[in-house]
Amino acid sequence: MKKFLLMCCFLIGITAVCRAQGGGMRRSPEERAKQLQTQLKLNDDQTSKITAIYKAQSAKMDSVRTAANGDRQAMMQAMMPMMKDANDKIKALLTPEQATAYDKLVQERMNRMRNGGGGGGN
């Protein structure tokens, strides 16, 4: 009985740590646009257009995830052009100052992903 209780506590602890590190929780297009609005000081028109870009990207990526059927490499190869396209569309809506700050955010996210951070919170 003690071993069972100890194992349950261990599993609950692991689950809590995974959630605290952003374990697989994807943010909605609206949340992502709202975060950019805060970080880049976007106006409402920019935010609504970026939300639409993120919604379209999200729908395409969901279909790629389904089609990839667990093949992570194929999924990433299919998603990279989509992410670049969305980034290009977003940059076209930004002022030069916002575009510079956006490039920095994208670079930081890519560095986190390369280092195994997954880009969880930002």
PDB file of N, CA and C in Angstrom:
ATOM      1  N   MET A   1       0.825  -1.187   0.000  1.00  0.00           N
ATOM      2  CA  MET A   1       0.000   0.000   0.000  1.00  0.00           C
ATOM      3  C   MET A   1       0.872   1.255   0.000  1.00  0.00           C
ATOM      4  N   LYS A   2       1.975   1.245   0.765  1.00  0.00           N
ATOM      5  CA  LYS A   2       2.854   2.405   0.814  1.00  0.00           C
ATOM      6  C   LYS A   2       3.496   2.657  -0.545  1.00  0.00           C
ATOM      7  N   LYS A   3       3.876   1.568  -1.223  1.00  0.00           N
ATOM      8  CA  LYS A   3       4.484   1.717  -2.543  1.00  0.00           C
ATOM      9  C   LYS A   3       3.488   2.330  -3.524  1.00  0.00           C
ATOM     10  N   PHE A   4       2.245   1.892  -3.454  1.00  0.00           N
ATOM     11  CA  PHE A   4       1.214   2.418  -4.341  1.00  0.00           C
ATOM     12  C   PHE A   4       1.015   3.916  -4.088  1.00  0.00           C
ATOM     13  N   LEU A   5       0.932   4.307  -2.838  1.00  0.00           N
ATOM     14  CA  LEU A   5       0.764   5.717  -2.482  1.00  0.00           C
ATOM     15  C   LEU A   5       1.970   6.544  -2.930  1.00  0.00           C
ATOM     16  N   LEU A   6       3.157   6.011  -2.733  1.00  0.00           N
ATOM     17  CA  LEU A   6       4.365   6.694  -3.156  1.00  0.00           C
ATOM     18  C   LEU A   6       4.387   6.871  -4.674  1.00  0.00           C
ATOM     19  N   MET A   7       3.980   5.844  -5.422  1.00  0.00           N
ATOM     20  CA  MET A   7       3.935   5.930  -6.877  1.00  0.00           C
ATOM     21  C   MET A   7       2.922   6.971  -7.331  1.00  0.00           C
ATOM     22  N   CYS A   8       1.781   7.042  -6.687  1.00  0.00           N
ATOM     23  CA  CYS A   8       0.773   8.054  -7.033  1.00  0.00           C
ATOM     24  C   CYS A   8       1.319   9.470  -6.810  1.00  0.00           C
ATOM     25  N   CYS A   9       1.988   9.675  -5.688  1.00  0.00           N
ATOM     26  CA  CYS A   9       2.576  10.985  -5.402  1.00  0.00           C
ATOM     27  C   CYS A   9       3.632  11.338  -6.447  1.00  0.00           C
ATOM     28  N   PHE A  10       4.422  10.370  -6.827  1.00  0.00           N
ATOM     29  CA  PHE A  10       5.455  10.589  -7.848  1.00  0.00           C
ATOM     30  C   PHE A  10       4.825  11.013  -9.176  1.00  0.00           C
ATOM     31  N   LEU A  11       3.778  10.309  -9.609  1.00  0.00           N
ATOM     32  CA  LEU A  11       3.118  10.639 -10.873  1.00  0.00           C
ATOM     33  C   LEU A  11       2.471  12.021 -10.832  1.00  0.00           C
ATOM     34  N   ILE A  12       1.863  12.359  -9.719  1.00  0.00           N
ATOM     35  CA  ILE A  12       1.262  13.689  -9.579  1.00  0.00           C
ATOM     36  C   ILE A  12       2.340  14.770  -9.641  1.00  0.00           C
ATOM     37  N   GLY A  13       3.468  14.512  -9.016  1.00  0.00           N
ATOM     38  CA  GLY A  13       4.575  15.475  -9.048  1.00  0.00           C
ATOM     39  C   GLY A  13       5.110  15.680 -10.448  1.00  0.00           C
ATOM     40  N   ILE A  14       5.296  14.596 -11.192  1.00  0.00           N
ATOM     41  CA  ILE A  14       5.782  14.690 -12.571  1.00  0.00           C
ATOM     42  C   ILE A  14       4.796  15.465 -13.427  1.00  0.00           C
ATOM     43  N   THR A  15       3.512  15.202 -13.247  1.00  0.00           N
ATOM     44  CA  THR A  15       2.486  15.905 -14.007  1.00  0.00           C
ATOM     45  C   THR A  15       2.526  17.402 -13.715  1.00  0.00           C
ATOM     46  N   ALA A  16       2.682  17.756 -12.455  1.00  0.00           N
ATOM     47  CA  ALA A  16       2.747  19.174 -12.069  1.00  0.00           C
ATOM     48  C   ALA A  16       3.953  19.865 -12.695  1.00  0.00           C
ATOM     49  N   VAL A  17       5.095  19.208 -12.701  1.00  0.00           N
ATOM     50  CA  VAL A  17       6.304  19.790 -13.292  1.00  0.00           C
ATOM     51  C   VAL A  17       6.119  19.979 -14.794  1.00  0.00           C
ATOM     52  N   CYS A  18       5.549  18.991 -15.466  1.00  0.00           N
ATOM     53  CA  CYS A  18       5.332  19.104 -16.917  1.00  0.00           C
ATOM     54  C   CYS A  18       4.408  20.265 -17.246  1.00  0.00           C
ATOM     55  N   ARG A  19       3.341  20.431 -16.495  1.00  0.00           N
ATOM     56  CA  ARG A  19       2.412  21.532 -16.740  1.00  0.00           C
ATOM     57  C   ARG A  19       3.072  22.873 -16.461  1.00  0.00           C
ATOM     58  N   ALA A  20       3.882  22.953 -15.430  1.00  0.00           N
ATOM     59  CA  ALA A  20       4.557  24.205 -15.084  1.00  0.00           C
ATOM     60  C   ALA A  20       5.532  24.624 -16.174  1.00  0.00           C
ATOM     61  N   GLN A  21       6.054  23.667 -16.922  1.00  0.00           N
ATOM     62  CA  GLN A  21       6.992  23.966 -17.996  1.00  0.00           C
ATOM     63  C   GLN A  21       6.303  24.119 -19.340  1.00  0.00           C
ATOM     64  N   GLY A  22       4.988  24.256 -19.336  1.00  0.00           N
ATOM     65  CA  GLY A  22       4.264  24.440 -20.590  1.00  0.00           C
ATOM     66  C   GLY A  22       4.100  23.155 -21.361  1.00  0.00           C
ATOM     67  N   GLY A  23       3.967  22.057 -20.686  1.00  0.00           N
ATOM     68  CA  GLY A  23       3.933  20.739 -21.294  1.00  0.00           C
ATOM     69  C   GLY A  23       2.855  20.527 -22.337  1.00  0.00           C
ATOM     70  N   GLY A  24       3.109  20.971 -23.545  1.00  0.00           N
ATOM     71  CA  GLY A  24       2.214  20.670 -24.646  1.00  0.00           C
ATOM     72  C   GLY A  24       0.993  21.569 -24.745  1.00  0.00           C
ATOM     73  N   MET A  25       0.878  22.548 -23.922  1.00  0.00           N
ATOM     74  CA  MET A  25      -0.284  23.420 -23.943  1.00  0.00           C
ATOM     75  C   MET A  25      -0.095  24.458 -25.052  1.00  0.00           C
ATOM     76  N   ARG A  26      -0.873  24.343 -26.102  1.00  0.00           N
ATOM     77  CA  ARG A  26      -0.799  25.322 -27.188  1.00  0.00           C
ATOM     78  C   ARG A  26      -1.771  26.450 -26.886  1.00  0.00           C
ATOM     79  N   ARG A  27      -1.310  27.652 -27.184  1.00  0.00           N
ATOM     80  CA  ARG A  27      -2.178  28.803 -26.974  1.00  0.00           C
ATOM     81  C   ARG A  27      -3.042  29.026 -28.205  1.00  0.00           C
ATOM     82  N   SER A  28      -4.209  29.605 -27.980  1.00  0.00           N
ATOM     83  CA  SER A  28      -5.122  29.881 -29.078  1.00  0.00           C
ATOM     84  C   SER A  28      -4.584  31.036 -29.923  1.00  0.00           C
ATOM     85  N   PRO A  29      -5.068  31.165 -31.157  1.00  0.00           N
ATOM     86  CA  PRO A  29      -4.651  32.297 -31.986  1.00  0.00           C
ATOM     87  C   PRO A  29      -4.931  33.645 -31.316  1.00  0.00           C
ATOM     88  N   GLU A  30      -6.046  33.726 -30.612  1.00  0.00           N
ATOM     89  CA  GLU A  30      -6.388  34.969 -29.919  1.00  0.00           C
ATOM     90  C   GLU A  30      -5.388  35.284 -28.810  1.00  0.00           C
ATOM     91  N   GLU A  31      -4.981  34.256 -28.063  1.00  0.00           N
ATOM     92  CA  GLU A  31      -4.001  34.458 -26.994  1.00  0.00           C
ATOM     93  C   GLU A  31      -2.648  34.870 -27.559  1.00  0.00           C
ATOM     94  N   ARG A  32      -2.262  34.245 -28.650  1.00  0.00           N
ATOM     95  CA  ARG A  32      -0.979  34.579 -29.272  1.00  0.00           C
ATOM     96  C   ARG A  32      -0.977  36.020 -29.769  1.00  0.00           C
ATOM     97  N   ALA A  33      -2.072  36.438 -30.418  1.00  0.00           N
ATOM     98  CA  ALA A  33      -2.164  37.812 -30.926  1.00  0.00           C
ATOM     99  C   ALA A  33      -2.195  38.810 -29.778  1.00  0.00           C
ATOM    100  N   LYS A  34      -2.894  38.471 -28.709  1.00  0.00           N
ATOM    101  CA  LYS A  34      -2.964  39.359 -27.546  1.00  0.00           C
ATOM    102  C   LYS A  34      -1.580  39.529 -26.919  1.00  0.00           C
ATOM    103  N   GLN A  35      -0.812  38.450 -26.875  1.00  0.00           N
ATOM    104  CA  GLN A  35       0.542  38.534 -26.329  1.00  0.00           C
ATOM    105  C   GLN A  35       1.409  39.440 -27.209  1.00  0.00           C
ATOM    106  N   LEU A  36       1.291  39.289 -28.520  1.00  0.00           N
ATOM    107  CA  LEU A  36       2.046  40.167 -29.422  1.00  0.00           C
ATOM    108  C   LEU A  36       1.601  41.616 -29.267  1.00  0.00           C
ATOM    109  N   GLN A  37       0.305  41.813 -29.059  1.00  0.00           N
ATOM    110  CA  GLN A  37      -0.202  43.177 -28.868  1.00  0.00           C
ATOM    111  C   GLN A  37       0.492  43.833 -27.683  1.00  0.00           C
ATOM    112  N   THR A  38       0.661  43.087 -26.620  1.00  0.00           N
ATOM    113  CA  THR A  38       1.326  43.602 -25.427  1.00  0.00           C
ATOM    114  C   THR A  38       2.816  43.825 -25.681  1.00  0.00           C
ATOM    115  N   GLN A  39       3.467  42.845 -26.287  1.00  0.00           N
ATOM    116  CA  GLN A  39       4.911  42.912 -26.481  1.00  0.00           C
ATOM    117  C   GLN A  39       5.327  43.973 -27.493  1.00  0.00           C
ATOM    118  N   LEU A  40       4.523  44.151 -28.548  1.00  0.00           N
ATOM    119  CA  LEU A  40       4.907  45.048 -29.629  1.00  0.00           C
ATOM    120  C   LEU A  40       4.105  46.348 -29.661  1.00  0.00           C
ATOM    121  N   LYS A  41       3.167  46.496 -28.716  1.00  0.00           N
ATOM    122  CA  LYS A  41       2.304  47.681 -28.658  1.00  0.00           C
ATOM    123  C   LYS A  41       1.527  47.849 -29.978  1.00  0.00           C
ATOM    124  N   LEU A  42       0.834  46.788 -30.354  1.00  0.00           N
ATOM    125  CA  LEU A  42       0.046  46.798 -31.586  1.00  0.00           C
ATOM    126  C   LEU A  42      -1.252  47.569 -31.377  1.00  0.00           C
ATOM    127  N   ASN A  43      -1.769  48.159 -32.462  1.00  0.00           N
ATOM    128  CA  ASN A  43      -3.091  48.767 -32.373  1.00  0.00           C
ATOM    129  C   ASN A  43      -4.147  47.680 -32.604  1.00  0.00           C
ATOM    130  N   ASP A  44      -5.408  48.022 -32.419  1.00  0.00           N
ATOM    131  CA  ASP A  44      -6.470  47.020 -32.515  1.00  0.00           C
ATOM    132  C   ASP A  44      -6.591  46.429 -33.916  1.00  0.00           C
ATOM    133  N   ASP A  45      -6.379  47.252 -34.943  1.00  0.00           N
ATOM    134  CA  ASP A  45      -6.463  46.767 -36.322  1.00  0.00           C
ATOM    135  C   ASP A  45      -5.365  45.737 -36.596  1.00  0.00           C
ATOM    136  N   GLN A  46      -4.147  46.036 -36.168  1.00  0.00           N
ATOM    137  CA  GLN A  46      -3.039  45.093 -36.343  1.00  0.00           C
ATOM    138  C   GLN A  46      -3.346  43.784 -35.609  1.00  0.00           C
ATOM    139  N   THR A  47      -3.845  43.905 -34.391  1.00  0.00           N
ATOM    140  CA  THR A  47      -4.140  42.717 -33.584  1.00  0.00           C
ATOM    141  C   THR A  47      -5.189  41.839 -34.243  1.00  0.00           C
ATOM    142  N   SER A  48      -6.247  42.437 -34.782  1.00  0.00           N
ATOM    143  CA  SER A  48      -7.297  41.630 -35.417  1.00  0.00           C
ATOM    144  C   SER A  48      -6.778  40.950 -36.685  1.00  0.00           C
ATOM    145  N   LYS A  49      -5.936  41.637 -37.451  1.00  0.00           N
ATOM    146  CA  LYS A  49      -5.373  41.025 -38.661  1.00  0.00           C
ATOM    147  C   LYS A  49      -4.407  39.892 -38.302  1.00  0.00           C
ATOM    148  N   ILE A  50      -3.631  40.076 -37.254  1.00  0.00           N
ATOM    149  CA  ILE A  50      -2.702  39.033 -36.818  1.00  0.00           C
ATOM    150  C   ILE A  50      -3.469  37.829 -36.265  1.00  0.00           C
ATOM    151  N   THR A  51      -4.573  38.090 -35.574  1.00  0.00           N
ATOM    152  CA  THR A  51      -5.420  36.991 -35.096  1.00  0.00           C
ATOM    153  C   THR A  51      -5.913  36.155 -36.267  1.00  0.00           C
ATOM    154  N   ALA A  52      -6.330  36.819 -37.349  1.00  0.00           N
ATOM    155  CA  ALA A  52      -6.804  36.099 -38.537  1.00  0.00           C
ATOM    156  C   ALA A  52      -5.679  35.265 -39.156  1.00  0.00           C
ATOM    157  N   ILE A  53      -4.469  35.813 -39.188  1.00  0.00           N
ATOM    158  CA  ILE A  53      -3.315  35.068 -39.722  1.00  0.00           C
ATOM    159  C   ILE A  53      -3.060  33.835 -38.870  1.00  0.00           C
ATOM    160  N   TYR A  54      -3.059  34.011 -37.548  1.00  0.00           N
ATOM    161  CA  TYR A  54      -2.824  32.886 -36.643  1.00  0.00           C
ATOM    162  C   TYR A  54      -3.924  31.829 -36.756  1.00  0.00           C
ATOM    163  N   LYS A  55      -5.183  32.258 -36.953  1.00  0.00           N
ATOM    164  CA  LYS A  55      -6.276  31.287 -37.090  1.00  0.00           C
ATOM    165  C   LYS A  55      -6.092  30.440 -38.347  1.00  0.00           C
ATOM    166  N   ALA A  56      -5.735  31.089 -39.452  1.00  0.00           N
ATOM    167  CA  ALA A  56      -5.514  30.346 -40.700  1.00  0.00           C
ATOM    168  C   ALA A  56      -4.336  29.388 -40.548  1.00  0.00           C
ATOM    169  N   GLN A  57      -3.259  29.870 -39.920  1.00  0.00           N
ATOM    170  CA  GLN A  57      -2.081  29.026 -39.709  1.00  0.00           C
ATOM    171  C   GLN A  57      -2.435  27.837 -38.818  1.00  0.00           C
ATOM    172  N   SER A  58      -3.201  28.076 -37.786  1.00  0.00           N
ATOM    173  CA  SER A  58      -3.568  27.018 -36.849  1.00  0.00           C
ATOM    174  C   SER A  58      -4.375  25.918 -37.549  1.00  0.00           C
ATOM    175  N   ALA A  59      -5.305  26.316 -38.408  1.00  0.00           N
ATOM    176  CA  ALA A  59      -6.110  25.323 -39.134  1.00  0.00           C
ATOM    177  C   ALA A  59      -5.228  24.474 -40.048  1.00  0.00           C
ATOM    178  N   LYS A  60      -4.286  25.121 -40.754  1.00  0.00           N
ATOM    179  CA  LYS A  60      -3.387  24.383 -41.640  1.00  0.00           C
ATOM    180  C   LYS A  60      -2.503  23.439 -40.838  1.00  0.00           C
ATOM    181  N   MET A  61      -1.981  23.919 -39.698  1.00  0.00           N
ATOM    182  CA  MET A  61      -1.088  23.088 -38.896  1.00  0.00           C
ATOM    183  C   MET A  61      -1.814  21.904 -38.276  1.00  0.00           C
ATOM    184  N   ASP A  62      -3.077  22.102 -37.890  1.00  0.00           N
ATOM    185  CA  ASP A  62      -3.849  20.981 -37.355  1.00  0.00           C
ATOM    186  C   ASP A  62      -4.014  19.884 -38.404  1.00  0.00           C
ATOM    187  N   SER A  63      -4.252  20.291 -39.654  1.00  0.00           N
ATOM    188  CA  SER A  63      -4.395  19.276 -40.704  1.00  0.00           C
ATOM    189  C   SER A  63      -3.069  18.567 -40.964  1.00  0.00           C
ATOM    190  N   VAL A  64      -1.949  19.293 -40.859  1.00  0.00           N
ATOM    191  CA  VAL A  64      -0.632  18.674 -41.032  1.00  0.00           C
ATOM    192  C   VAL A  64      -0.360  17.688 -39.900  1.00  0.00           C
ATOM    193  N   ARG A  65      -0.713  18.073 -38.671  1.00  0.00           N
ATOM    194  CA  ARG A  65      -0.515  17.170 -37.529  1.00  0.00           C
ATOM    195  C   ARG A  65      -1.286  15.870 -37.734  1.00  0.00           C
ATOM    196  N   THR A  66      -2.510  16.000 -38.235  1.00  0.00           N
ATOM    197  CA  THR A  66      -3.335  14.814 -38.476  1.00  0.00           C
ATOM    198  C   THR A  66      -2.740  13.953 -39.582  1.00  0.00           C
ATOM    199  N   ALA A  67      -2.305  14.591 -40.666  1.00  0.00           N
ATOM    200  CA  ALA A  67      -1.763  13.859 -41.804  1.00  0.00           C
ATOM    201  C   ALA A  67      -0.411  13.221 -41.486  1.00  0.00           C
ATOM    202  N   ALA A  68       0.388  13.872 -40.624  1.00  0.00           N
ATOM    203  CA  ALA A  68       1.724  13.352 -40.307  1.00  0.00           C
ATOM    204  C   ALA A  68       1.658  12.062 -39.510  1.00  0.00           C
ATOM    205  N   ASN A  69       0.570  11.857 -38.796  1.00  0.00           N
ATOM    206  CA  ASN A  69       0.348  10.602 -38.082  1.00  0.00           C
ATOM    207  C   ASN A  69       1.531  10.214 -37.195  1.00  0.00           C
ATOM    208  N   GLY A  70       2.045  11.190 -36.436  1.00  0.00           N
ATOM    209  CA  GLY A  70       3.117  10.916 -35.488  1.00  0.00           C
ATOM    210  C   GLY A  70       4.520  11.051 -36.041  1.00  0.00           C
ATOM    211  N   ASP A  71       4.681  11.279 -37.339  1.00  0.00           N
ATOM    212  CA  ASP A  71       6.014  11.437 -37.935  1.00  0.00           C
ATOM    213  C   ASP A  71       6.466  12.875 -37.720  1.00  0.00           C
ATOM    214  N   ARG A  72       7.229  13.084 -36.652  1.00  0.00           N
ATOM    215  CA  ARG A  72       7.635  14.435 -36.240  1.00  0.00           C
ATOM    216  C   ARG A  72       8.455  15.148 -37.313  1.00  0.00           C
ATOM    217  N   GLN A  73       9.349  14.437 -37.962  1.00  0.00           N
ATOM    218  CA  GLN A  73      10.200  15.060 -38.973  1.00  0.00           C
ATOM    219  C   GLN A  73       9.368  15.538 -40.166  1.00  0.00           C
ATOM    220  N   ALA A  74       8.461  14.717 -40.646  1.00  0.00           N
ATOM    221  CA  ALA A  74       7.604  15.108 -41.770  1.00  0.00           C
ATOM    222  C   ALA A  74       6.723  16.284 -41.383  1.00  0.00           C
ATOM    223  N   MET A  75       6.238  16.259 -40.154  1.00  0.00           N
ATOM    224  CA  MET A  75       5.389  17.335 -39.669  1.00  0.00           C
ATOM    225  C   MET A  75       6.162  18.650 -39.638  1.00  0.00           C
ATOM    226  N   MET A  76       7.391  18.630 -39.119  1.00  0.00           N
ATOM    227  CA  MET A  76       8.190  19.850 -39.024  1.00  0.00           C
ATOM    228  C   MET A  76       8.547  20.371 -40.413  1.00  0.00           C
ATOM    229  N   GLN A  77       8.862  19.482 -41.340  1.00  0.00           N
ATOM    230  CA  GLN A  77       9.186  19.905 -42.706  1.00  0.00           C
ATOM    231  C   GLN A  77       7.991  20.579 -43.367  1.00  0.00           C
ATOM    232  N   ALA A  78       6.794  20.087 -43.090  1.00  0.00           N
ATOM    233  CA  ALA A  78       5.594  20.680 -43.674  1.00  0.00           C
ATOM    234  C   ALA A  78       5.229  22.002 -42.997  1.00  0.00           C
ATOM    235  N   MET A  79       5.540  22.121 -41.709  1.00  0.00           N
ATOM    236  CA  MET A  79       5.148  23.314 -40.958  1.00  0.00           C
ATOM    237  C   MET A  79       6.087  24.500 -41.147  1.00  0.00           C
ATOM    238  N   MET A  80       7.351  24.239 -41.422  1.00  0.00           N
ATOM    239  CA  MET A  80       8.313  25.347 -41.532  1.00  0.00           C
ATOM    240  C   MET A  80       7.904  26.387 -42.577  1.00  0.00           C
ATOM    241  N   PRO A  81       7.508  25.983 -43.796  1.00  0.00           N
ATOM    242  CA  PRO A  81       7.072  27.004 -44.756  1.00  0.00           C
ATOM    243  C   PRO A  81       5.829  27.767 -44.282  1.00  0.00           C
ATOM    244  N   MET A  82       4.928  27.084 -43.581  1.00  0.00           N
ATOM    245  CA  MET A  82       3.723  27.744 -43.055  1.00  0.00           C
ATOM    246  C   MET A  82       4.087  28.797 -42.015  1.00  0.00           C
ATOM    247  N   MET A  83       5.041  28.449 -41.148  1.00  0.00           N
ATOM    248  CA  MET A  83       5.459  29.394 -40.112  1.00  0.00           C
ATOM    249  C   MET A  83       6.153  30.594 -40.736  1.00  0.00           C
ATOM    250  N   LYS A  84       6.978  30.359 -41.752  1.00  0.00           N
ATOM    251  CA  LYS A  84       7.666  31.457 -42.435  1.00  0.00           C
ATOM    252  C   LYS A  84       6.652  32.369 -43.122  1.00  0.00           C
ATOM    253  N   ASP A  85       5.664  31.768 -43.772  1.00  0.00           N
ATOM    254  CA  ASP A  85       4.626  32.536 -44.456  1.00  0.00           C
ATOM    255  C   ASP A  85       3.852  33.412 -43.454  1.00  0.00           C
ATOM    256  N   ALA A  86       3.473  32.828 -42.325  1.00  0.00           N
ATOM    257  CA  ALA A  86       2.746  33.590 -41.303  1.00  0.00           C
ATOM    258  C   ALA A  86       3.621  34.720 -40.766  1.00  0.00           C
ATOM    259  N   ASN A  87       4.901  34.444 -40.513  1.00  0.00           N
ATOM    260  CA  ASN A  87       5.812  35.488 -40.024  1.00  0.00           C
ATOM    261  C   ASN A  87       5.936  36.622 -41.037  1.00  0.00           C
ATOM    262  N   ASP A  88       6.033  36.278 -42.331  1.00  0.00           N
ATOM    263  CA  ASP A  88       6.136  37.301 -43.373  1.00  0.00           C
ATOM    264  C   ASP A  88       4.871  38.165 -43.427  1.00  0.00           C
ATOM    265  N   LYS A  89       3.708  37.527 -43.306  1.00  0.00           N
ATOM    266  CA  LYS A  89       2.444  38.270 -43.326  1.00  0.00           C
ATOM    267  C   LYS A  89       2.335  39.192 -42.120  1.00  0.00           C
ATOM    268  N   ILE A  90       2.764  38.704 -40.962  1.00  0.00           N
ATOM    269  CA  ILE A  90       2.710  39.522 -39.746  1.00  0.00           C
ATOM    270  C   ILE A  90       3.658  40.711 -39.879  1.00  0.00           C
ATOM    271  N   LYS A  91       4.872  40.463 -40.339  1.00  0.00           N
ATOM    272  CA  LYS A  91       5.850  41.551 -40.486  1.00  0.00           C
ATOM    273  C   LYS A  91       5.354  42.634 -41.438  1.00  0.00           C
ATOM    274  N   ALA A  92       4.582  42.248 -42.449  1.00  0.00           N
ATOM    275  CA  ALA A  92       4.053  43.223 -43.402  1.00  0.00           C
ATOM    276  C   ALA A  92       3.071  44.193 -42.735  1.00  0.00           C
ATOM    277  N   LEU A  93       2.486  43.795 -41.621  1.00  0.00           N
ATOM    278  CA  LEU A  93       1.524  44.641 -40.913  1.00  0.00           C
ATOM    279  C   LEU A  93       2.179  45.573 -39.890  1.00  0.00           C
ATOM    280  N   LEU A  94       3.450  45.352 -39.601  1.00  0.00           N
ATOM    281  CA  LEU A  94       4.115  46.053 -38.510  1.00  0.00           C
ATOM    282  C   LEU A  94       4.866  47.294 -38.988  1.00  0.00           C
ATOM    283  N   THR A  95       5.055  48.228 -38.053  1.00  0.00           N
ATOM    284  CA  THR A  95       5.925  49.368 -38.323  1.00  0.00           C
ATOM    285  C   THR A  95       7.369  48.868 -38.307  1.00  0.00           C
ATOM    286  N   PRO A  96       8.318  49.643 -38.823  1.00  0.00           N
ATOM    287  CA  PRO A  96       9.713  49.190 -38.798  1.00  0.00           C
ATOM    288  C   PRO A  96      10.220  48.853 -37.386  1.00  0.00           C
ATOM    289  N   GLU A  97       9.830  49.657 -36.399  1.00  0.00           N
ATOM    290  CA  GLU A  97      10.261  49.391 -35.015  1.00  0.00           C
ATOM    291  C   GLU A  97       9.653  48.091 -34.495  1.00  0.00           C
ATOM    292  N   GLN A  98       8.358  47.892 -34.785  1.00  0.00           N
ATOM    293  CA  GLN A  98       7.690  46.667 -34.354  1.00  0.00           C
ATOM    294  C   GLN A  98       8.289  45.451 -35.065  1.00  0.00           C
ATOM    295  N   ALA A  99       8.619  45.606 -36.343  1.00  0.00           N
ATOM    296  CA  ALA A  99       9.191  44.491 -37.113  1.00  0.00           C
ATOM    297  C   ALA A  99      10.538  44.074 -36.536  1.00  0.00           C
ATOM    298  N   THR A 100      11.342  45.058 -36.112  1.00  0.00           N
ATOM    299  CA  THR A 100      12.636  44.745 -35.500  1.00  0.00           C
ATOM    300  C   THR A 100      12.429  43.968 -34.201  1.00  0.00           C
ATOM    301  N   ALA A 101      11.494  44.432 -33.376  1.00  0.00           N
ATOM    302  CA  ALA A 101      11.204  43.751 -32.111  1.00  0.00           C
ATOM    303  C   ALA A 101      10.631  42.355 -32.367  1.00  0.00           C
ATOM    304  N   TYR A 102       9.802  42.233 -33.405  1.00  0.00           N
ATOM    305  CA  TYR A 102       9.218  40.939 -33.753  1.00  0.00           C
ATOM    306  C   TYR A 102      10.302  39.959 -34.192  1.00  0.00           C
ATOM    307  N   ASP A 103      11.245  40.434 -35.016  1.00  0.00           N
ATOM    308  CA  ASP A 103      12.366  39.579 -35.434  1.00  0.00           C
ATOM    309  C   ASP A 103      13.126  39.053 -34.221  1.00  0.00           C
ATOM    310  N   LYS A 104      13.315  39.911 -33.239  1.00  0.00           N
ATOM    311  CA  LYS A 104      14.024  39.500 -32.024  1.00  0.00           C
ATOM    312  C   LYS A 104      13.230  38.422 -31.278  1.00  0.00           C
ATOM    313  N   LEU A 105      11.910  38.599 -31.166  1.00  0.00           N
ATOM    314  CA  LEU A 105      11.066  37.599 -30.506  1.00  0.00           C
ATOM    315  C   LEU A 105      11.121  36.254 -31.227  1.00  0.00           C
ATOM    316  N   VAL A 106      11.051  36.300 -32.559  1.00  0.00           N
ATOM    317  CA  VAL A 106      11.095  35.062 -33.352  1.00  0.00           C
ATOM    318  C   VAL A 106      12.440  34.362 -33.156  1.00  0.00           C
ATOM    319  N   GLN A 107      13.513  35.144 -33.166  1.00  0.00           N
ATOM    320  CA  GLN A 107      14.852  34.567 -32.986  1.00  0.00           C
ATOM    321  C   GLN A 107      14.988  33.922 -31.603  1.00  0.00           C
ATOM    322  N   GLU A 108      14.475  34.597 -30.577  1.00  0.00           N
ATOM    323  CA  GLU A 108      14.531  34.034 -29.219  1.00  0.00           C
ATOM    324  C   GLU A 108      13.749  32.727 -29.145  1.00  0.00           C
ATOM    325  N   ARG A 109      12.575  32.697 -29.786  1.00  0.00           N
ATOM    326  CA  ARG A 109      11.755  31.480 -29.781  1.00  0.00           C
ATOM    327  C   ARG A 109      12.484  30.344 -30.492  1.00  0.00           C
ATOM    328  N   MET A 110      13.121  30.648 -31.622  1.00  0.00           N
ATOM    329  CA  MET A 110      13.864  29.617 -32.351  1.00  0.00           C
ATOM    330  C   MET A 110      15.041  29.094 -31.529  1.00  0.00           C
ATOM    331  N   ASN A 111      15.726  29.981 -30.830  1.00  0.00           N
ATOM    332  CA  ASN A 111      16.842  29.556 -29.980  1.00  0.00           C
ATOM    333  C   ASN A 111      16.355  28.641 -28.856  1.00  0.00           C
ATOM    334  N   ARG A 112      15.218  28.975 -28.263  1.00  0.00           N
ATOM    335  CA  ARG A 112      14.662  28.122 -27.198  1.00  0.00           C
ATOM    336  C   ARG A 112      14.305  26.750 -27.749  1.00  0.00           C
ATOM    337  N   MET A 113      13.729  26.725 -28.945  1.00  0.00           N
ATOM    338  CA  MET A 113      13.337  25.443 -29.539  1.00  0.00           C
ATOM    339  C   MET A 113      14.574  24.594 -29.857  1.00  0.00           C
ATOM    340  N   ARG A 114      15.609  25.234 -30.362  1.00  0.00           N
ATOM    341  CA  ARG A 114      16.853  24.497 -30.663  1.00  0.00           C
ATOM    342  C   ARG A 114      17.502  23.940 -29.405  1.00  0.00           C
ATOM    343  N   ASN A 115      17.349  24.656 -28.308  1.00  0.00           N
ATOM    344  CA  ASN A 115      17.941  24.237 -27.041  1.00  0.00           C
ATOM    345  C   ASN A 115      17.023  23.324 -26.248  1.00  0.00           C
ATOM    346  N   GLY A 116      15.944  22.890 -26.844  1.00  0.00           N
ATOM    347  CA  GLY A 116      15.052  21.938 -26.186  1.00  0.00           C
ATOM    348  C   GLY A 116      14.014  22.576 -25.293  1.00  0.00           C
ATOM    349  N   GLY A 117      13.868  23.897 -25.339  1.00  0.00           N
ATOM    350  CA  GLY A 117      12.901  24.567 -24.486  1.00  0.00           C
ATOM    351  C   GLY A 117      11.483  24.514 -25.021  1.00  0.00           C
ATOM    352  N   GLY A 118      11.317  24.311 -26.295  1.00  0.00           N
ATOM    353  CA  GLY A 118       9.991  24.147 -26.874  1.00  0.00           C
ATOM    354  C   GLY A 118       9.205  25.426 -27.031  1.00  0.00           C
ATOM    355  N   GLY A 119       9.668  26.567 -26.552  1.00  0.00           N
ATOM    356  CA  GLY A 119       8.952  27.825 -26.721  1.00  0.00           C
ATOM    357  C   GLY A 119       7.713  27.927 -25.879  1.00  0.00           C
ATOM    358  N   GLY A 120       7.623  27.208 -24.775  1.00  0.00           N
ATOM    359  CA  GLY A 120       6.412  27.075 -23.965  1.00  0.00           C
ATOM    360  C   GLY A 120       5.700  28.338 -23.594  1.00  0.00           C
ATOM    361  N   GLY A 121       6.329  29.337 -23.011  1.00  0.00           N
ATOM    362  CA  GLY A 121       5.593  30.458 -22.467  1.00  0.00           C
ATOM    363  C   GLY A 121       5.488  31.651 -23.360  1.00  0.00           C
ATOM    364  N   ASN A 122       6.283  31.785 -24.368  1.00  0.00           N
ATOM    365  CA  ASN A 122       6.250  33.003 -25.184  1.00  0.00           C
ATOM    366  C   ASN A 122       5.968  32.716 -26.618  1.00  0.00           C
TER     367      ASN A 122
END
